[in-house]
Amino acid sequence: MKNGVPFDRLFECGPLTDYERFAFSILFSEFEGSGIWNWSSMQFDKKE
């Protein structure tokens, strides 16, 4: 469990598509403090 998300349960919901996994990884990375995802540049921008 990380950030209150039980990852073992998340992936038991059924197979996720590549774009769903990508979206989850962005979301959880933002929770970790990686910054804000910039869709135009496809990278994280630092939080201000």
PDB file of N, CA and C in Angstrom:
ATOM      1  N   MET A   1       0.856  -1.163   0.000  1.00  0.00           N
ATOM      2  CA  MET A   1       0.000   0.000   0.000  1.00  0.00           C
ATOM      3  C   MET A   1       0.906   1.230   0.000  1.00  0.00           C
ATOM      4  N   LYS A   2       0.558   2.173  -0.844  1.00  0.00           N
ATOM      5  CA  LYS A   2       1.313   3.409  -0.914  1.00  0.00           C
ATOM      6  C   LYS A   2       0.331   4.538  -1.174  1.00  0.00           C
ATOM      7  N   ASN A   3       0.439   5.598  -0.391  1.00  0.00           N
ATOM      8  CA  ASN A   3      -0.478   6.726  -0.497  1.00  0.00           C
ATOM      9  C   ASN A   3      -1.933   6.305  -0.341  1.00  0.00           C
ATOM     10  N   GLY A   4      -2.145   5.287   0.467  1.00  0.00           N
ATOM     11  CA  GLY A   4      -3.505   4.823   0.707  1.00  0.00           C
ATOM     12  C   GLY A   4      -4.085   3.998  -0.434  1.00  0.00           C
ATOM     13  N   VAL A   5      -3.264   3.652  -1.421  1.00  0.00           N
ATOM     14  CA  VAL A   5      -3.740   2.879  -2.561  1.00  0.00           C
ATOM     15  C   VAL A   5      -3.214   1.448  -2.436  1.00  0.00           C
ATOM     16  N   PRO A   6      -4.109   0.484  -2.295  1.00  0.00           N
ATOM     17  CA  PRO A   6      -3.663  -0.908  -2.243  1.00  0.00           C
ATOM     18  C   PRO A   6      -3.392  -1.410  -3.668  1.00  0.00           C
ATOM     19  N   PHE A   7      -2.128  -1.371  -4.091  1.00  0.00           N
ATOM     20  CA  PHE A   7      -1.777  -1.688  -5.471  1.00  0.00           C
ATOM     21  C   PHE A   7      -2.148  -3.109  -5.866  1.00  0.00           C
ATOM     22  N   ASP A   8      -2.070  -4.036  -4.919  1.00  0.00           N
ATOM     23  CA  ASP A   8      -2.436  -5.403  -5.270  1.00  0.00           C
ATOM     24  C   ASP A   8      -3.902  -5.492  -5.668  1.00  0.00           C
ATOM     25  N   ARG A   9      -4.744  -4.673  -5.075  1.00  0.00           N
ATOM     26  CA  ARG A   9      -6.168  -4.659  -5.422  1.00  0.00           C
ATOM     27  C   ARG A   9      -6.410  -3.932  -6.743  1.00  0.00           C
ATOM     28  N   LEU A  10      -5.645  -2.911  -6.992  1.00  0.00           N
ATOM     29  CA  LEU A  10      -5.823  -2.121  -8.211  1.00  0.00           C
ATOM     30  C   LEU A  10      -5.698  -2.988  -9.457  1.00  0.00           C
ATOM     31  N   PHE A  11      -4.673  -3.822  -9.497  1.00  0.00           N
ATOM     32  CA  PHE A  11      -4.429  -4.609 -10.689  1.00  0.00           C
ATOM     33  C   PHE A  11      -5.223  -5.909 -10.734  1.00  0.00           C
ATOM     34  N   GLU A  12      -5.990  -6.191  -9.662  1.00  0.00           N
ATOM     35  CA  GLU A  12      -6.892  -7.334  -9.687  1.00  0.00           C
ATOM     36  C   GLU A  12      -8.207  -7.000 -10.379  1.00  0.00           C
ATOM     37  N   CYS A  13      -8.443  -5.741 -10.675  1.00  0.00           N
ATOM     38  CA  CYS A  13      -9.704  -5.311 -11.284  1.00  0.00           C
ATOM     39  C   CYS A  13      -9.876  -5.874 -12.691  1.00  0.00           C
ATOM     40  N   GLY A  14      -8.838  -6.370 -13.243  1.00  0.00           N
ATOM     41  CA  GLY A  14      -8.876  -6.873 -14.605  1.00  0.00           C
ATOM     42  C   GLY A  14      -7.705  -6.276 -15.353  1.00  0.00           C
ATOM     43  N   PRO A  15      -7.515  -6.734 -16.558  1.00  0.00           N
ATOM     44  CA  PRO A  15      -6.380  -6.212 -17.318  1.00  0.00           C
ATOM     45  C   PRO A  15      -6.570  -4.738 -17.660  1.00  0.00           C
ATOM     46  N   LEU A  16      -5.526  -3.969 -17.448  1.00  0.00           N
ATOM     47  CA  LEU A  16      -5.563  -2.551 -17.799  1.00  0.00           C
ATOM     48  C   LEU A  16      -4.882  -2.362 -19.146  1.00  0.00           C
ATOM     49  N   THR A  17      -5.404  -1.428 -19.910  1.00  0.00           N
ATOM     50  CA  THR A  17      -4.774  -1.113 -21.185  1.00  0.00           C
ATOM     51  C   THR A  17      -3.500  -0.308 -20.918  1.00  0.00           C
ATOM     52  N   ASP A  18      -2.677  -0.180 -21.935  1.00  0.00           N
ATOM     53  CA  ASP A  18      -1.429   0.572 -21.780  1.00  0.00           C
ATOM     54  C   ASP A  18      -1.686   2.010 -21.359  1.00  0.00           C
ATOM     55  N   TYR A  19      -2.701   2.649 -21.956  1.00  0.00           N
ATOM     56  CA  TYR A  19      -2.961   4.043 -21.600  1.00  0.00           C
ATOM     57  C   TYR A  19      -3.522   4.185 -20.193  1.00  0.00           C
ATOM     58  N   GLU A  20      -4.235   3.175 -19.694  1.00  0.00           N
ATOM     59  CA  GLU A  20      -4.709   3.221 -18.310  1.00  0.00           C
ATOM     60  C   GLU A  20      -3.541   3.076 -17.336  1.00  0.00           C
ATOM     61  N   ARG A  21      -2.624   2.192 -17.627  1.00  0.00           N
ATOM     62  CA  ARG A  21      -1.425   2.057 -16.780  1.00  0.00           C
ATOM     63  C   ARG A  21      -0.612   3.341 -16.783  1.00  0.00           C
ATOM     64  N   PHE A  22      -0.488   3.957 -17.962  1.00  0.00           N
ATOM     65  CA  PHE A  22       0.238   5.219 -18.094  1.00  0.00           C
ATOM     66  C   PHE A  22      -0.424   6.311 -17.242  1.00  0.00           C
ATOM     67  N   ALA A  23      -1.744   6.382 -17.313  1.00  0.00           N
ATOM     68  CA  ALA A  23      -2.482   7.384 -16.541  1.00  0.00           C
ATOM     69  C   ALA A  23      -2.315   7.157 -15.043  1.00  0.00           C
ATOM     70  N   PHE A  24      -2.406   5.903 -14.601  1.00  0.00           N
ATOM     71  CA  PHE A  24      -2.213   5.606 -13.182  1.00  0.00           C
ATOM     72  C   PHE A  24      -0.799   5.963 -12.736  1.00  0.00           C
ATOM     73  N   SER A  25       0.182   5.676 -13.570  1.00  0.00           N
ATOM     74  CA  SER A  25       1.563   5.975 -13.175  1.00  0.00           C
ATOM     75  C   SER A  25       1.780   7.478 -13.050  1.00  0.00           C
ATOM     76  N   ILE A  26       1.160   8.267 -13.920  1.00  0.00           N
ATOM     77  CA  ILE A  26       1.255   9.728 -13.818  1.00  0.00           C
ATOM     78  C   ILE A  26       0.579  10.204 -12.538  1.00  0.00           C
ATOM     79  N   LEU A  27      -0.613   9.722 -12.295  1.00  0.00           N
ATOM     80  CA  LEU A  27      -1.370  10.126 -11.113  1.00  0.00           C
ATOM     81  C   LEU A  27      -0.612   9.813  -9.827  1.00  0.00           C
ATOM     82  N   PHE A  28      -0.115   8.576  -9.708  1.00  0.00           N
ATOM     83  CA  PHE A  28       0.593   8.189  -8.494  1.00  0.00           C
ATOM     84  C   PHE A  28       1.926   8.907  -8.363  1.00  0.00           C
ATOM     85  N   SER A  29       2.560   9.235  -9.475  1.00  0.00           N
ATOM     86  CA  SER A  29       3.809  10.010  -9.429  1.00  0.00           C
ATOM     87  C   SER A  29       3.544  11.424  -8.925  1.00  0.00           C
ATOM     88  N   GLU A  30       2.415  11.993  -9.324  1.00  0.00           N
ATOM     89  CA  GLU A  30       2.047  13.317  -8.804  1.00  0.00           C
ATOM     90  C   GLU A  30       1.819  13.248  -7.302  1.00  0.00           C
ATOM     91  N   PHE A  31       1.208  12.160  -6.818  1.00  0.00           N
ATOM     92  CA  PHE A  31       1.025  11.981  -5.377  1.00  0.00           C
ATOM     93  C   PHE A  31       2.370  11.949  -4.659  1.00  0.00           C
ATOM     94  N   GLU A  32       3.375  11.374  -5.309  1.00  0.00           N
ATOM     95  CA  GLU A  32       4.707  11.249  -4.731  1.00  0.00           C
ATOM     96  C   GLU A  32       5.471  12.567  -4.733  1.00  0.00           C
ATOM     97  N   GLY A  33       4.946  13.578  -5.425  1.00  0.00           N
ATOM     98  CA  GLY A  33       5.613  14.864  -5.452  1.00  0.00           C
ATOM     99  C   GLY A  33       6.535  15.061  -6.637  1.00  0.00           C
ATOM    100  N   SER A  34       6.331  14.297  -7.705  1.00  0.00           N
ATOM    101  CA  SER A  34       7.180  14.412  -8.889  1.00  0.00           C
ATOM    102  C   SER A  34       6.942  15.700  -9.664  1.00  0.00           C
ATOM    103  N   GLY A  35       5.869  16.397  -9.371  1.00  0.00           N
ATOM    104  CA  GLY A  35       5.518  17.610 -10.090  1.00  0.00           C
ATOM    105  C   GLY A  35       4.160  17.448 -10.740  1.00  0.00           C
ATOM    106  N   ILE A  36       3.874  18.345 -11.653  1.00  0.00           N
ATOM    107  CA  ILE A  36       2.611  18.317 -12.386  1.00  0.00           C
ATOM    108  C   ILE A  36       2.900  17.857 -13.808  1.00  0.00           C
ATOM    109  N   TRP A  37       2.136  16.884 -14.298  1.00  0.00           N
ATOM    110  CA  TRP A  37       2.359  16.351 -15.637  1.00  0.00           C
ATOM    111  C   TRP A  37       1.929  17.371 -16.691  1.00  0.00           C
ATOM    112  N   ASN A  38       2.810  17.647 -17.620  1.00  0.00           N
ATOM    113  CA  ASN A  38       2.551  18.564 -18.722  1.00  0.00           C
ATOM    114  C   ASN A  38       2.305  17.720 -19.966  1.00  0.00           C
ATOM    115  N   TRP A  39       1.065  17.718 -20.442  1.00  0.00           N
ATOM    116  CA  TRP A  39       0.713  16.883 -21.590  1.00  0.00           C
ATOM    117  C   TRP A  39       1.367  17.367 -22.877  1.00  0.00           C
ATOM    118  N   SER A  40       1.648  18.655 -22.978  1.00  0.00           N
ATOM    119  CA  SER A  40       2.275  19.185 -24.195  1.00  0.00           C
ATOM    120  C   SER A  40       3.717  18.708 -24.331  1.00  0.00           C
ATOM    121  N   SER A  41       4.462  18.768 -23.237  1.00  0.00           N
ATOM    122  CA  SER A  41       5.875  18.375 -23.290  1.00  0.00           C
ATOM    123  C   SER A  41       6.085  16.901 -22.908  1.00  0.00           C
ATOM    124  N   MET A  42       5.026  16.247 -22.390  1.00  0.00           N
ATOM    125  CA  MET A  42       5.085  14.849 -21.961  1.00  0.00           C
ATOM    126  C   MET A  42       6.176  14.627 -20.910  1.00  0.00           C
ATOM    127  N   GLN A  43       6.260  15.561 -19.961  1.00  0.00           N
ATOM    128  CA  GLN A  43       7.189  15.425 -18.840  1.00  0.00           C
ATOM    129  C   GLN A  43       6.614  16.160 -17.643  1.00  0.00           C
ATOM    130  N   PHE A  44       7.231  15.937 -16.498  1.00  0.00           N
ATOM    131  CA  PHE A  44       6.775  16.593 -15.276  1.00  0.00           C
ATOM    132  C   PHE A  44       7.367  17.990 -15.181  1.00  0.00           C
ATOM    133  N   ASP A  45       6.515  18.950 -14.816  1.00  0.00           N
ATOM    134  CA  ASP A  45       6.961  20.308 -14.494  1.00  0.00           C
ATOM    135  C   ASP A  45       7.059  20.387 -12.979  1.00  0.00           C
ATOM    136  N   LYS A  46       8.026  21.100 -12.499  1.00  0.00           N
ATOM    137  CA  LYS A  46       8.183  21.244 -11.044  1.00  0.00           C
ATOM    138  C   LYS A  46       7.008  22.028 -10.476  1.00  0.00           C
ATOM    139  N   LYS A  47       6.622  21.652  -9.259  1.00  0.00           N
ATOM    140  CA  LYS A  47       5.556  22.388  -8.578  1.00  0.00           C
ATOM    141  C   LYS A  47       6.070  23.757  -8.197  1.00  0.00           C
ATOM    142  N   GLU A  48       5.186  24.719  -8.268  1.00  0.00           N
ATOM    143  CA  GLU A  48       5.577  26.083  -7.890  1.00  0.00           C
ATOM    144  C   GLU A  48       5.185  26.398  -6.480  1.00  0.00           C
TER     145      GLU A  48
END
